Amino acid sequence: MATFTIQDRHFSCPVELAVSVLEGKWKVLILWHLRGETLRYSEIRDAVGDISDKMLAQQLRGLEADGLIDRRVYPVVPPKTEYRLTDEGRRLVPVLTAMQQWGLAYKTEPATKDTGS
């Protein structure tokens, strides 16, 4: 398969690109909580759980840079910032839903060994 470049990053396959954009545990969780609704920074932090402010800000910036979320800042005191999925981010909702369904099935089905035969 041919390699390709996006935003000065080189990839050998589309899955590598997807993993690069969604790397780490936080980005997928942030996207999951943003599906279908607009959330403020503190709401995302509370929904995601044990994430530092520094890490959350970094992950939100990355998702925004990759065009998956949109950030809207309101000129009020105290500052109000809201985040929502972009059209590109919404294209991931079926993938996230499939991951949820797989996770539900995986946790309830007994573990089986694949013998490879």
PDB file of N, CA and C in Angstrom:
ATOM      1  N   MET A   1       0.848  -1.169   0.000  1.00  0.00           N
ATOM      2  CA  MET A   1       0.000   0.000   0.000  1.00  0.00           C
ATOM      3  C   MET A   1       0.896   1.236   0.000  1.00  0.00           C
ATOM      4  N   ALA A   2       0.481   2.252  -0.714  1.00  0.00           N
ATOM      5  CA  ALA A   2       1.262   3.481  -0.831  1.00  0.00           C
ATOM      6  C   ALA A   2       1.173   4.292   0.462  1.00  0.00           C
ATOM      7  N   THR A   3       2.228   4.998   0.754  1.00  0.00           N
ATOM      8  CA  THR A   3       2.227   5.885   1.910  1.00  0.00           C
ATOM      9  C   THR A   3       1.611   7.221   1.508  1.00  0.00           C
ATOM     10  N   PHE A   4       1.183   7.990   2.503  1.00  0.00           N
ATOM     11  CA  PHE A   4       0.621   9.305   2.232  1.00  0.00           C
ATOM     12  C   PHE A   4       0.966  10.251   3.370  1.00  0.00           C
ATOM     13  N   THR A   5       0.821  11.534   3.109  1.00  0.00           N
ATOM     14  CA  THR A   5       1.184  12.564   4.072  1.00  0.00           C
ATOM     15  C   THR A   5      -0.007  13.486   4.301  1.00  0.00           C
ATOM     16  N   ILE A   6      -0.281  13.765   5.568  1.00  0.00           N
ATOM     17  CA  ILE A   6      -1.321  14.719   5.948  1.00  0.00           C
ATOM     18  C   ILE A   6      -0.733  15.611   7.036  1.00  0.00           C
ATOM     19  N   GLN A   7      -0.807  16.924   6.836  1.00  0.00           N
ATOM     20  CA  GLN A   7      -0.280  17.904   7.791  1.00  0.00           C
ATOM     21  C   GLN A   7       1.161  17.578   8.179  1.00  0.00           C
ATOM     22  N   ASP A   8       1.988  17.317   7.194  1.00  0.00           N
ATOM     23  CA  ASP A   8       3.406  17.003   7.391  1.00  0.00           C
ATOM     24  C   ASP A   8       3.653  15.735   8.210  1.00  0.00           C
ATOM     25  N   ARG A   9       2.634  14.885   8.349  1.00  0.00           N
ATOM     26  CA  ARG A   9       2.807  13.600   9.029  1.00  0.00           C
ATOM     27  C   ARG A   9       2.673  12.503   7.983  1.00  0.00           C
ATOM     28  N   HIS A  10       3.552  11.519   8.054  1.00  0.00           N
ATOM     29  CA  HIS A  10       3.595  10.437   7.071  1.00  0.00           C
ATOM     30  C   HIS A  10       2.927   9.185   7.649  1.00  0.00           C
ATOM     31  N   PHE A  11       2.114   8.531   6.827  1.00  0.00           N
ATOM     32  CA  PHE A  11       1.386   7.342   7.260  1.00  0.00           C
ATOM     33  C   PHE A  11       1.506   6.256   6.207  1.00  0.00           C
ATOM     34  N   SER A  12       1.547   5.009   6.682  1.00  0.00           N
ATOM     35  CA  SER A  12       1.638   3.890   5.762  1.00  0.00           C
ATOM     36  C   SER A  12       0.279   3.284   5.456  1.00  0.00           C
ATOM     37  N   CYS A  13      -0.752   3.615   6.260  1.00  0.00           N
ATOM     38  CA  CYS A  13      -2.101   3.129   5.992  1.00  0.00           C
ATOM     39  C   CYS A  13      -3.119   4.001   6.719  1.00  0.00           C
ATOM     40  N   PRO A  14      -4.383   3.956   6.306  1.00  0.00           N
ATOM     41  CA  PRO A  14      -5.410   4.779   6.944  1.00  0.00           C
ATOM     42  C   PRO A  14      -5.626   4.466   8.426  1.00  0.00           C
ATOM     43  N   VAL A  15      -5.432   3.218   8.825  1.00  0.00           N
ATOM     44  CA  VAL A  15      -5.590   2.866  10.240  1.00  0.00           C
ATOM     45  C   VAL A  15      -4.531   3.577  11.075  1.00  0.00           C
ATOM     46  N   GLU A  16      -3.323   3.675  10.552  1.00  0.00           N
ATOM     47  CA  GLU A  16      -2.254   4.390  11.254  1.00  0.00           C
ATOM     48  C   GLU A  16      -2.648   5.855  11.449  1.00  0.00           C
ATOM     49  N   LEU A  17      -3.265   6.466  10.443  1.00  0.00           N
ATOM     50  CA  LEU A  17      -3.740   7.835  10.553  1.00  0.00           C
ATOM     51  C   LEU A  17      -4.799   7.949  11.644  1.00  0.00           C
ATOM     52  N   ALA A  18      -5.782   7.055  11.639  1.00  0.00           N
ATOM     53  CA  ALA A  18      -6.848   7.088  12.644  1.00  0.00           C
ATOM     54  C   ALA A  18      -6.285   6.938  14.049  1.00  0.00           C
ATOM     55  N   VAL A  19      -5.363   6.010  14.233  1.00  0.00           N
ATOM     56  CA  VAL A  19      -4.742   5.806  15.549  1.00  0.00           C
ATOM     57  C   VAL A  19      -3.969   7.054  15.961  1.00  0.00           C
ATOM     58  N   SER A  20      -3.302   7.683  15.031  1.00  0.00           N
ATOM     59  CA  SER A  20      -2.546   8.901  15.326  1.00  0.00           C
ATOM     60  C   SER A  20      -3.465  10.026  15.786  1.00  0.00           C
ATOM     61  N   VAL A  21      -4.585  10.207  15.113  1.00  0.00           N
ATOM     62  CA  VAL A  21      -5.517  11.277  15.459  1.00  0.00           C
ATOM     63  C   VAL A  21      -6.203  10.985  16.792  1.00  0.00           C
ATOM     64  N   LEU A  22      -6.509   9.730  17.062  1.00  0.00           N
ATOM     65  CA  LEU A  22      -7.261   9.354  18.261  1.00  0.00           C
ATOM     66  C   LEU A  22      -6.387   8.760  19.366  1.00  0.00           C
ATOM     67  N   GLU A  23      -5.072   8.949  19.269  1.00  0.00           N
ATOM     68  CA  GLU A  23      -4.162   8.302  20.203  1.00  0.00           C
ATOM     69  C   GLU A  23      -4.445   8.674  21.653  1.00  0.00           C
ATOM     70  N   GLY A  24      -4.136   7.735  22.528  1.00  0.00           N
ATOM     71  CA  GLY A  24      -4.325   7.931  23.955  1.00  0.00           C
ATOM     72  C   GLY A  24      -5.752   7.623  24.375  1.00  0.00           C
ATOM     73  N   LYS A  25      -5.958   7.561  25.674  1.00  0.00           N
ATOM     74  CA  LYS A  25      -7.282   7.205  26.161  1.00  0.00           C
ATOM     75  C   LYS A  25      -8.215   8.393  26.249  1.00  0.00           C
ATOM     76  N   TRP A  26      -7.700   9.585  26.335  1.00  0.00           N
ATOM     77  CA  TRP A  26      -8.542  10.740  26.607  1.00  0.00           C
ATOM     78  C   TRP A  26      -9.324  11.236  25.402  1.00  0.00           C
ATOM     79  N   LYS A  27      -8.737  11.248  24.223  1.00  0.00           N
ATOM     80  CA  LYS A  27      -9.412  11.819  23.059  1.00  0.00           C
ATOM     81  C   LYS A  27     -10.701  11.075  22.735  1.00  0.00           C
ATOM     82  N   VAL A  28     -10.657   9.768  22.766  1.00  0.00           N
ATOM     83  CA  VAL A  28     -11.854   8.983  22.458  1.00  0.00           C
ATOM     84  C   VAL A  28     -12.932   9.237  23.510  1.00  0.00           C
ATOM     85  N   LEU A  29     -12.540   9.324  24.768  1.00  0.00           N
ATOM     86  CA  LEU A  29     -13.514   9.593  25.833  1.00  0.00           C
ATOM     87  C   LEU A  29     -14.122  10.985  25.689  1.00  0.00           C
ATOM     88  N   ILE A  30     -13.314  11.964  25.352  1.00  0.00           N
ATOM     89  CA  ILE A  30     -13.823  13.325  25.141  1.00  0.00           C
ATOM     90  C   ILE A  30     -14.833  13.324  23.996  1.00  0.00           C
ATOM     91  N   LEU A  31     -14.478  12.700  22.889  1.00  0.00           N
ATOM     92  CA  LEU A  31     -15.389  12.629  21.751  1.00  0.00           C
ATOM     93  C   LEU A  31     -16.684  11.911  22.122  1.00  0.00           C
ATOM     94  N   TRP A  32     -16.565  10.844  22.907  1.00  0.00           N
ATOM     95  CA  TRP A  32     -17.754  10.094  23.322  1.00  0.00           C
ATOM     96  C   TRP A  32     -18.709  10.995  24.100  1.00  0.00           C
ATOM     97  N   HIS A  33     -18.180  11.786  25.003  1.00  0.00           N
ATOM     98  CA  HIS A  33     -19.042  12.639  25.820  1.00  0.00           C
ATOM     99  C   HIS A  33     -19.586  13.837  25.046  1.00  0.00           C
ATOM    100  N   LEU A  34     -18.936  14.217  23.964  1.00  0.00           N
ATOM    101  CA  LEU A  34     -19.423  15.330  23.146  1.00  0.00           C
ATOM    102  C   LEU A  34     -20.444  14.897  22.091  1.00  0.00           C
ATOM    103  N   ARG A  35     -20.634  13.596  21.910  1.00  0.00           N
ATOM    104  CA  ARG A  35     -21.566  13.159  20.884  1.00  0.00           C
ATOM    105  C   ARG A  35     -22.960  13.707  21.211  1.00  0.00           C
ATOM    106  N   GLY A  36     -23.516  14.412  20.258  1.00  0.00           N
ATOM    107  CA  GLY A  36     -24.879  14.890  20.404  1.00  0.00           C
ATOM    108  C   GLY A  36     -25.099  16.072  21.323  1.00  0.00           C
ATOM    109  N   GLU A  37     -24.052  16.612  21.927  1.00  0.00           N
ATOM    110  CA  GLU A  37     -24.279  17.775  22.779  1.00  0.00           C
ATOM    111  C   GLU A  37     -23.061  18.683  22.844  1.00  0.00           C
ATOM    112  N   THR A  38     -23.325  19.911  23.230  1.00  0.00           N
ATOM    113  CA  THR A  38     -22.284  20.903  23.443  1.00  0.00           C
ATOM    114  C   THR A  38     -22.000  20.951  24.925  1.00  0.00           C
ATOM    115  N   LEU A  39     -20.721  20.921  25.296  1.00  0.00           N
ATOM    116  CA  LEU A  39     -20.343  20.925  26.706  1.00  0.00           C
ATOM    117  C   LEU A  39     -19.341  22.018  26.999  1.00  0.00           C
ATOM    118  N   ARG A  40     -19.390  22.519  28.211  1.00  0.00           N
ATOM    119  CA  ARG A  40     -18.386  23.460  28.679  1.00  0.00           C
ATOM    120  C   ARG A  40     -17.180  22.663  29.178  1.00  0.00           C
ATOM    121  N   TYR A  41     -16.063  23.361  29.329  1.00  0.00           N
ATOM    122  CA  TYR A  41     -14.811  22.727  29.755  1.00  0.00           C
ATOM    123  C   TYR A  41     -15.017  21.901  31.027  1.00  0.00           C
ATOM    124  N   SER A  42     -15.637  22.511  32.042  1.00  0.00           N
ATOM    125  CA  SER A  42     -15.812  21.815  33.327  1.00  0.00           C
ATOM    126  C   SER A  42     -16.717  20.596  33.193  1.00  0.00           C
ATOM    127  N   GLU A  43     -17.692  20.656  32.300  1.00  0.00           N
ATOM    128  CA  GLU A  43     -18.573  19.503  32.082  1.00  0.00           C
ATOM    129  C   GLU A  43     -17.812  18.352  31.438  1.00  0.00           C
ATOM    130  N   ILE A  44     -16.921  18.685  30.523  1.00  0.00           N
ATOM    131  CA  ILE A  44     -16.091  17.643  29.905  1.00  0.00           C
ATOM    132  C   ILE A  44     -15.180  17.029  30.963  1.00  0.00           C
ATOM    133  N   ARG A  45     -14.540  17.865  31.765  1.00  0.00           N
ATOM    134  CA  ARG A  45     -13.634  17.380  32.811  1.00  0.00           C
ATOM    135  C   ARG A  45     -14.373  16.454  33.767  1.00  0.00           C
ATOM    136  N   ASP A  46     -15.575  16.850  34.180  1.00  0.00           N
ATOM    137  CA  ASP A  46     -16.355  16.020  35.105  1.00  0.00           C
ATOM    138  C   ASP A  46     -16.792  14.709  34.454  1.00  0.00           C
ATOM    139  N   ALA A  47     -17.155  14.756  33.180  1.00  0.00           N
ATOM    140  CA  ALA A  47     -17.622  13.556  32.484  1.00  0.00           C
ATOM    141  C   ALA A  47     -16.492  12.560  32.248  1.00  0.00           C
ATOM    142  N   VAL A  48     -15.319  13.089  31.883  1.00  0.00           N
ATOM    143  CA  VAL A  48     -14.190  12.213  31.549  1.00  0.00           C
ATOM    144  C   VAL A  48     -13.614  11.564  32.800  1.00  0.00           C
ATOM    145  N   GLY A  49     -13.574  12.288  33.898  1.00  0.00           N
ATOM    146  CA  GLY A  49     -13.074  11.704  35.135  1.00  0.00           C
ATOM    147  C   GLY A  49     -11.688  12.169  35.498  1.00  0.00           C
ATOM    148  N   ASP A  50     -10.832  11.243  35.803  1.00  0.00           N
ATOM    149  CA  ASP A  50      -9.515  11.522  36.386  1.00  0.00           C
ATOM    150  C   ASP A  50      -8.526  12.038  35.337  1.00  0.00           C
ATOM    151  N   ILE A  51      -8.719  13.286  34.915  1.00  0.00           N
ATOM    152  CA  ILE A  51      -7.826  13.907  33.946  1.00  0.00           C
ATOM    153  C   ILE A  51      -7.396  15.259  34.502  1.00  0.00           C
ATOM    154  N   SER A  52      -6.135  15.578  34.355  1.00  0.00           N
ATOM    155  CA  SER A  52      -5.642  16.874  34.841  1.00  0.00           C
ATOM    156  C   SER A  52      -6.097  17.978  33.891  1.00  0.00           C
ATOM    157  N   ASP A  53      -6.152  19.195  34.401  1.00  0.00           N
ATOM    158  CA  ASP A  53      -6.520  20.331  33.554  1.00  0.00           C
ATOM    159  C   ASP A  53      -5.531  20.496  32.406  1.00  0.00           C
ATOM    160  N   LYS A  54      -4.265  20.292  32.695  1.00  0.00           N
ATOM    161  CA  LYS A  54      -3.240  20.415  31.655  1.00  0.00           C
ATOM    162  C   LYS A  54      -3.473  19.406  30.531  1.00  0.00           C
ATOM    163  N   MET A  55      -3.737  18.164  30.896  1.00  0.00           N
ATOM    164  CA  MET A  55      -3.958  17.115  29.895  1.00  0.00           C
ATOM    165  C   MET A  55      -5.240  17.367  29.125  1.00  0.00           C
ATOM    166  N   LEU A  56      -6.315  17.786  29.816  1.00  0.00           N
ATOM    167  CA  LEU A  56      -7.570  18.052  29.126  1.00  0.00           C
ATOM    168  C   LEU A  56      -7.402  19.181  28.121  1.00  0.00           C
ATOM    169  N   ALA A  57      -6.758  20.255  28.534  1.00  0.00           N
ATOM    170  CA  ALA A  57      -6.536  21.379  27.623  1.00  0.00           C
ATOM    171  C   ALA A  57      -5.719  20.934  26.410  1.00  0.00           C
ATOM    172  N   GLN A  58      -4.702  20.124  26.642  1.00  0.00           N
ATOM    173  CA  GLN A  58      -3.848  19.627  25.558  1.00  0.00           C
ATOM    174  C   GLN A  58      -4.647  18.750  24.585  1.00  0.00           C
ATOM    175  N   GLN A  59      -5.471  17.868  25.116  1.00  0.00           N
ATOM    176  CA  GLN A  59      -6.263  16.970  24.275  1.00  0.00           C
ATOM    177  C   GLN A  59      -7.319  17.748  23.492  1.00  0.00           C
ATOM    178  N   LEU A  60      -7.952  18.729  24.117  1.00  0.00           N
ATOM    179  CA  LEU A  60      -8.935  19.558  23.424  1.00  0.00           C
ATOM    180  C   LEU A  60      -8.279  20.341  22.291  1.00  0.00           C
ATOM    181  N   ARG A  61      -7.097  20.885  22.538  1.00  0.00           N
ATOM    182  CA  ARG A  61      -6.370  21.603  21.483  1.00  0.00           C
ATOM    183  C   ARG A  61      -6.049  20.677  20.312  1.00  0.00           C
ATOM    184  N   GLY A  62      -5.628  19.450  20.621  1.00  0.00           N
ATOM    185  CA  GLY A  62      -5.315  18.485  19.567  1.00  0.00           C
ATOM    186  C   GLY A  62      -6.540  18.116  18.752  1.00  0.00           C
ATOM    187  N   LEU A  63      -7.662  17.877  19.413  1.00  0.00           N
ATOM    188  CA  LEU A  63      -8.891  17.537  18.709  1.00  0.00           C
ATOM    189  C   LEU A  63      -9.375  18.704  17.856  1.00  0.00           C
ATOM    190  N   GLU A  64      -9.186  19.919  18.360  1.00  0.00           N
ATOM    191  CA  GLU A  64      -9.556  21.103  17.588  1.00  0.00           C
ATOM    192  C   GLU A  64      -8.633  21.259  16.370  1.00  0.00           C
ATOM    193  N   ALA A  65      -7.347  21.068  16.572  1.00  0.00           N
ATOM    194  CA  ALA A  65      -6.380  21.184  15.471  1.00  0.00           C
ATOM    195  C   ALA A  65      -6.655  20.149  14.377  1.00  0.00           C
ATOM    196  N   ASP A  66      -7.128  18.971  14.773  1.00  0.00           N
ATOM    197  CA  ASP A  66      -7.432  17.921  13.799  1.00  0.00           C
ATOM    198  C   ASP A  66      -8.830  18.072  13.198  1.00  0.00           C
ATOM    199  N   GLY A  67      -9.556  19.110  13.603  1.00  0.00           N
ATOM    200  CA  GLY A  67     -10.856  19.394  13.014  1.00  0.00           C
ATOM    201  C   GLY A  67     -11.992  18.523  13.500  1.00  0.00           C
ATOM    202  N   LEU A  68     -11.825  17.892  14.665  1.00  0.00           N
ATOM    203  CA  LEU A  68     -12.874  17.013  15.183  1.00  0.00           C
ATOM    204  C   LEU A  68     -13.819  17.719  16.144  1.00  0.00           C
ATOM    205  N   ILE A  69     -13.346  18.783  16.783  1.00  0.00           N
ATOM    206  CA  ILE A  69     -14.204  19.554  17.677  1.00  0.00           C
ATOM    207  C   ILE A  69     -14.085  21.037  17.335  1.00  0.00           C
ATOM    208  N   ASP A  70     -15.096  21.768  17.736  1.00  0.00           N
ATOM    209  CA  ASP A  70     -15.135  23.212  17.549  1.00  0.00           C
ATOM    210  C   ASP A  70     -15.203  23.851  18.938  1.00  0.00           C
ATOM    211  N   ARG A  71     -14.445  24.913  19.121  1.00  0.00           N
ATOM    212  CA  ARG A  71     -14.415  25.622  20.408  1.00  0.00           C
ATOM    213  C   ARG A  71     -15.014  27.003  20.190  1.00  0.00           C
ATOM    214  N   ARG A  72     -15.938  27.363  21.057  1.00  0.00           N
ATOM    215  CA  ARG A  72     -16.552  28.690  20.990  1.00  0.00           C
ATOM    216  C   ARG A  72     -16.344  29.390  22.323  1.00  0.00           C
ATOM    217  N   VAL A  73     -15.714  30.566  22.269  1.00  0.00           N
ATOM    218  CA  VAL A  73     -15.428  31.346  23.465  1.00  0.00           C
ATOM    219  C   VAL A  73     -16.380  32.535  23.490  1.00  0.00           C
ATOM    220  N   TYR A  74     -17.067  32.703  24.612  1.00  0.00           N
ATOM    221  CA  TYR A  74     -17.983  33.817  24.786  1.00  0.00           C
ATOM    222  C   TYR A  74     -17.284  34.922  25.569  1.00  0.00           C
ATOM    223  N   PRO A  75     -17.434  36.171  25.133  1.00  0.00           N
ATOM    224  CA  PRO A  75     -16.763  37.289  25.809  1.00  0.00           C
ATOM    225  C   PRO A  75     -17.524  37.746  27.056  1.00  0.00           C
ATOM    226  N   VAL A  76     -17.517  36.893  28.079  1.00  0.00           N
ATOM    227  CA  VAL A  76     -18.182  37.210  29.339  1.00  0.00           C
ATOM    228  C   VAL A  76     -17.204  36.973  30.470  1.00  0.00           C
ATOM    229  N   VAL A  77     -17.556  37.496  31.643  1.00  0.00           N
ATOM    230  CA  VAL A  77     -16.745  37.268  32.838  1.00  0.00           C
ATOM    231  C   VAL A  77     -17.612  36.520  33.830  1.00  0.00           C
ATOM    232  N   PRO A  78     -17.175  35.373  34.325  1.00  0.00           N
ATOM    233  CA  PRO A  78     -15.959  34.657  33.951  1.00  0.00           C
ATOM    234  C   PRO A  78     -16.082  34.088  32.542  1.00  0.00           C
ATOM    235  N   PRO A  79     -14.941  33.782  31.926  1.00  0.00           N
ATOM    236  CA  PRO A  79     -14.959  33.279  30.551  1.00  0.00           C
ATOM    237  C   PRO A  79     -15.807  32.018  30.418  1.00  0.00           C
ATOM    238  N   LYS A  80     -16.514  31.929  29.319  1.00  0.00           N
ATOM    239  CA  LYS A  80     -17.335  30.753  29.030  1.00  0.00           C
ATOM    240  C   LYS A  80     -16.850  30.174  27.709  1.00  0.00           C
ATOM    241  N   THR A  81     -16.470  28.901  27.735  1.00  0.00           N
ATOM    242  CA  THR A  81     -16.000  28.214  26.537  1.00  0.00           C
ATOM    243  C   THR A  81     -16.820  26.940  26.374  1.00  0.00           C
ATOM    244  N   GLU A  82     -17.313  26.739  25.171  1.00  0.00           N
ATOM    245  CA  GLU A  82     -18.085  25.541  24.859  1.00  0.00           C
ATOM    246  C   GLU A  82     -17.412  24.765  23.739  1.00  0.00           C
ATOM    247  N   TYR A  83     -17.584  23.453  23.788  1.00  0.00           N
ATOM    248  CA  TYR A  83     -17.007  22.557  22.790  1.00  0.00           C
ATOM    249  C   TYR A  83     -18.120  21.701  22.203  1.00  0.00           C
ATOM    250  N   ARG A  84     -18.003  21.434  20.905  1.00  0.00           N
ATOM    251  CA  ARG A  84     -18.953  20.542  20.235  1.00  0.00           C
ATOM    252  C   ARG A  84     -18.225  19.833  19.102  1.00  0.00           C
ATOM    253  N   LEU A  85     -18.810  18.735  18.645  1.00  0.00           N
ATOM    254  CA  LEU A  85     -18.234  18.010  17.520  1.00  0.00           C
ATOM    255  C   LEU A  85     -18.458  18.794  16.233  1.00  0.00           C
ATOM    256  N   THR A  86     -17.485  18.762  15.355  1.00  0.00           N
ATOM    257  CA  THR A  86     -17.633  19.291  14.004  1.00  0.00           C
ATOM    258  C   THR A  86     -18.308  18.216  13.160  1.00  0.00           C
ATOM    259  N   ASP A  87     -18.581  18.534  11.906  1.00  0.00           N
ATOM    260  CA  ASP A  87     -19.132  17.510  11.004  1.00  0.00           C
ATOM    261  C   ASP A  87     -18.197  16.310  10.931  1.00  0.00           C
ATOM    262  N   GLU A  88     -16.890  16.575  10.858  1.00  0.00           N
ATOM    263  CA  GLU A  88     -15.908  15.481  10.810  1.00  0.00           C
ATOM    264  C   GLU A  88     -15.938  14.670  12.103  1.00  0.00           C
ATOM    265  N   GLY A  89     -16.066  15.341  13.227  1.00  0.00           N
ATOM    266  CA  GLY A  89     -16.167  14.651  14.507  1.00  0.00           C
ATOM    267  C   GLY A  89     -17.419  13.797  14.592  1.00  0.00           C
ATOM    268  N   ARG A  90     -18.529  14.304  14.055  1.00  0.00           N
ATOM    269  CA  ARG A  90     -19.778  13.539  14.071  1.00  0.00           C
ATOM    270  C   ARG A  90     -19.675  12.280  13.210  1.00  0.00           C
ATOM    271  N   ARG A  91     -18.807  12.293  12.220  1.00  0.00           N
ATOM    272  CA  ARG A  91     -18.606  11.082  11.397  1.00  0.00           C
ATOM    273  C   ARG A  91     -18.018   9.947  12.231  1.00  0.00           C
ATOM    274  N   LEU A  92     -17.413  10.273  13.367  1.00  0.00           N
ATOM    275  CA  LEU A  92     -16.835   9.255  14.251  1.00  0.00           C
ATOM    276  C   LEU A  92     -17.854   8.624  15.199  1.00  0.00           C
ATOM    277  N   VAL A  93     -19.034   9.222  15.341  1.00  0.00           N
ATOM    278  CA  VAL A  93     -20.021   8.712  16.299  1.00  0.00           C
ATOM    279  C   VAL A  93     -20.355   7.246  16.049  1.00  0.00           C
ATOM    280  N   PRO A  94     -20.580   6.801  14.809  1.00  0.00           N
ATOM    281  CA  PRO A  94     -20.838   5.361  14.612  1.00  0.00           C
ATOM    282  C   PRO A  94     -19.658   4.486  15.049  1.00  0.00           C
ATOM    283  N   VAL A  95     -18.448   4.964  14.872  1.00  0.00           N
ATOM    284  CA  VAL A  95     -17.259   4.221  15.311  1.00  0.00           C
ATOM    285  C   VAL A  95     -17.247   4.137  16.834  1.00  0.00           C
ATOM    286  N   LEU A  96     -17.527   5.255  17.500  1.00  0.00           N
ATOM    287  CA  LEU A  96     -17.560   5.284  18.960  1.00  0.00           C
ATOM    288  C   LEU A  96     -18.677   4.397  19.496  1.00  0.00           C
ATOM    289  N   THR A  97     -19.827   4.421  18.823  1.00  0.00           N
ATOM    290  CA  THR A  97     -20.944   3.570  19.231  1.00  0.00           C
ATOM    291  C   THR A  97     -20.584   2.101  19.066  1.00  0.00           C
ATOM    292  N   ALA A  98     -19.902   1.761  17.977  1.00  0.00           N
ATOM    293  CA  ALA A  98     -19.453   0.377  17.782  1.00  0.00           C
ATOM    294  C   ALA A  98     -18.472  -0.026  18.882  1.00  0.00           C
ATOM    295  N   MET A  99     -17.602   0.900  19.282  1.00  0.00           N
ATOM    296  CA  MET A  99     -16.667   0.609  20.379  1.00  0.00           C
ATOM    297  C   MET A  99     -17.429   0.383  21.679  1.00  0.00           C
ATOM    298  N   GLN A 100     -18.480   1.175  21.918  1.00  0.00           N
ATOM    299  CA  GLN A 100     -19.299   0.990  23.117  1.00  0.00           C
ATOM    300  C   GLN A 100     -19.953  -0.384  23.109  1.00  0.00           C
ATOM    301  N   GLN A 101     -20.537  -0.748  21.969  1.00  0.00           N
ATOM    302  CA  GLN A 101     -21.212  -2.037  21.867  1.00  0.00           C
ATOM    303  C   GLN A 101     -20.231  -3.189  22.036  1.00  0.00           C
ATOM    304  N   TRP A 102     -19.054  -3.056  21.460  1.00  0.00           N
ATOM    305  CA  TRP A 102     -18.039  -4.089  21.628  1.00  0.00           C
ATOM    306  C   TRP A 102     -17.637  -4.192  23.099  1.00  0.00           C
ATOM    307  N   GLY A 103     -17.440  -3.043  23.750  1.00  0.00           N
ATOM    308  CA  GLY A 103     -17.062  -3.047  25.163  1.00  0.00           C
ATOM    309  C   GLY A 103     -18.116  -3.701  26.040  1.00  0.00           C
ATOM    310  N   LEU A 104     -19.384  -3.421  25.755  1.00  0.00           N
ATOM    311  CA  LEU A 104     -20.464  -4.052  26.515  1.00  0.00           C
ATOM    312  C   LEU A 104     -20.468  -5.557  26.322  1.00  0.00           C
ATOM    313  N   ALA A 105     -20.289  -6.006  25.072  1.00  0.00           N
ATOM    314  CA  ALA A 105     -20.272  -7.440  24.795  1.00  0.00           C
ATOM    315  C   ALA A 105     -19.047  -8.098  25.406  1.00  0.00           C
ATOM    316  N   TYR A 106     -17.910  -7.441  25.326  1.00  0.00           N
ATOM    317  CA  TYR A 106     -16.666  -8.001  25.841  1.00  0.00           C
ATOM    318  C   TYR A 106     -16.720  -8.202  27.345  1.00  0.00           C
ATOM    319  N   LYS A 107     -17.333  -7.251  28.049  1.00  0.00           N
ATOM    320  CA  LYS A 107     -17.375  -7.356  29.511  1.00  0.00           C
ATOM    321  C   LYS A 107     -18.370  -8.401  29.988  1.00  0.00           C
ATOM    322  N   THR A 108     -19.356  -8.757  29.144  1.00  0.00           N
ATOM    323  CA  THR A 108     -20.373  -9.719  29.583  1.00  0.00           C
ATOM    324  C   THR A 108     -20.166 -11.123  29.058  1.00  0.00           C
ATOM    325  N   GLU A 109     -19.374 -11.272  28.001  1.00  0.00           N
ATOM    326  CA  GLU A 109     -19.137 -12.600  27.436  1.00  0.00           C
ATOM    327  C   GLU A 109     -17.942 -13.246  28.130  1.00  0.00           C
ATOM    328  N   PRO A 110     -18.010 -14.528  28.375  1.00  0.00           N
ATOM    329  CA  PRO A 110     -16.850 -15.189  28.978  1.00  0.00           C
ATOM    330  C   PRO A 110     -15.646 -15.136  28.035  1.00  0.00           C
ATOM    331  N   ALA A 111     -14.491 -14.991  28.617  1.00  0.00           N
ATOM    332  CA  ALA A 111     -13.269 -14.947  27.809  1.00  0.00           C
ATOM    333  C   ALA A 111     -13.056 -16.288  27.149  1.00  0.00           C
ATOM    334  N   THR A 112     -12.696 -16.236  25.871  1.00  0.00           N
ATOM    335  CA  THR A 112     -12.379 -17.462  25.141  1.00  0.00           C
ATOM    336  C   THR A 112     -11.018 -17.297  24.506  1.00  0.00           C
ATOM    337  N   LYS A 113     -10.328 -18.391  24.407  1.00  0.00           N
ATOM    338  CA  LYS A 113      -9.024 -18.373  23.769  1.00  0.00           C
ATOM    339  C   LYS A 113      -9.178 -18.684  22.295  1.00  0.00           C
ATOM    340  N   ASP A 114      -8.500 -17.889  21.495  1.00  0.00           N
ATOM    341  CA  ASP A 114      -8.468 -18.165  20.059  1.00  0.00           C
ATOM    342  C   ASP A 114      -7.249 -19.026  19.800  1.00  0.00           C
ATOM    343  N   THR A 115      -7.500 -20.247  19.372  1.00  0.00           N
ATOM    344  CA  THR A 115      -6.384 -21.180  19.136  1.00  0.00           C
ATOM    345  C   THR A 115      -5.740 -20.970  17.797  1.00  0.00           C
ATOM    346  N   GLY A 116      -6.343 -20.100  16.972  1.00  0.00           N
ATOM    347  CA  GLY A 116      -5.763 -19.824  15.673  1.00  0.00           C
ATOM    348  C   GLY A 116      -6.024 -20.904  14.649  1.00  0.00           C
ATOM    349  N   SER A 117      -6.871 -21.894  14.967  1.00  0.00           N
ATOM    350  CA  SER A 117      -7.140 -22.944  14.000  1.00  0.00           C
ATOM    351  C   SER A 117      -8.432 -22.721  13.269  1.00  0.00           C
TER     352      SER A 117
END
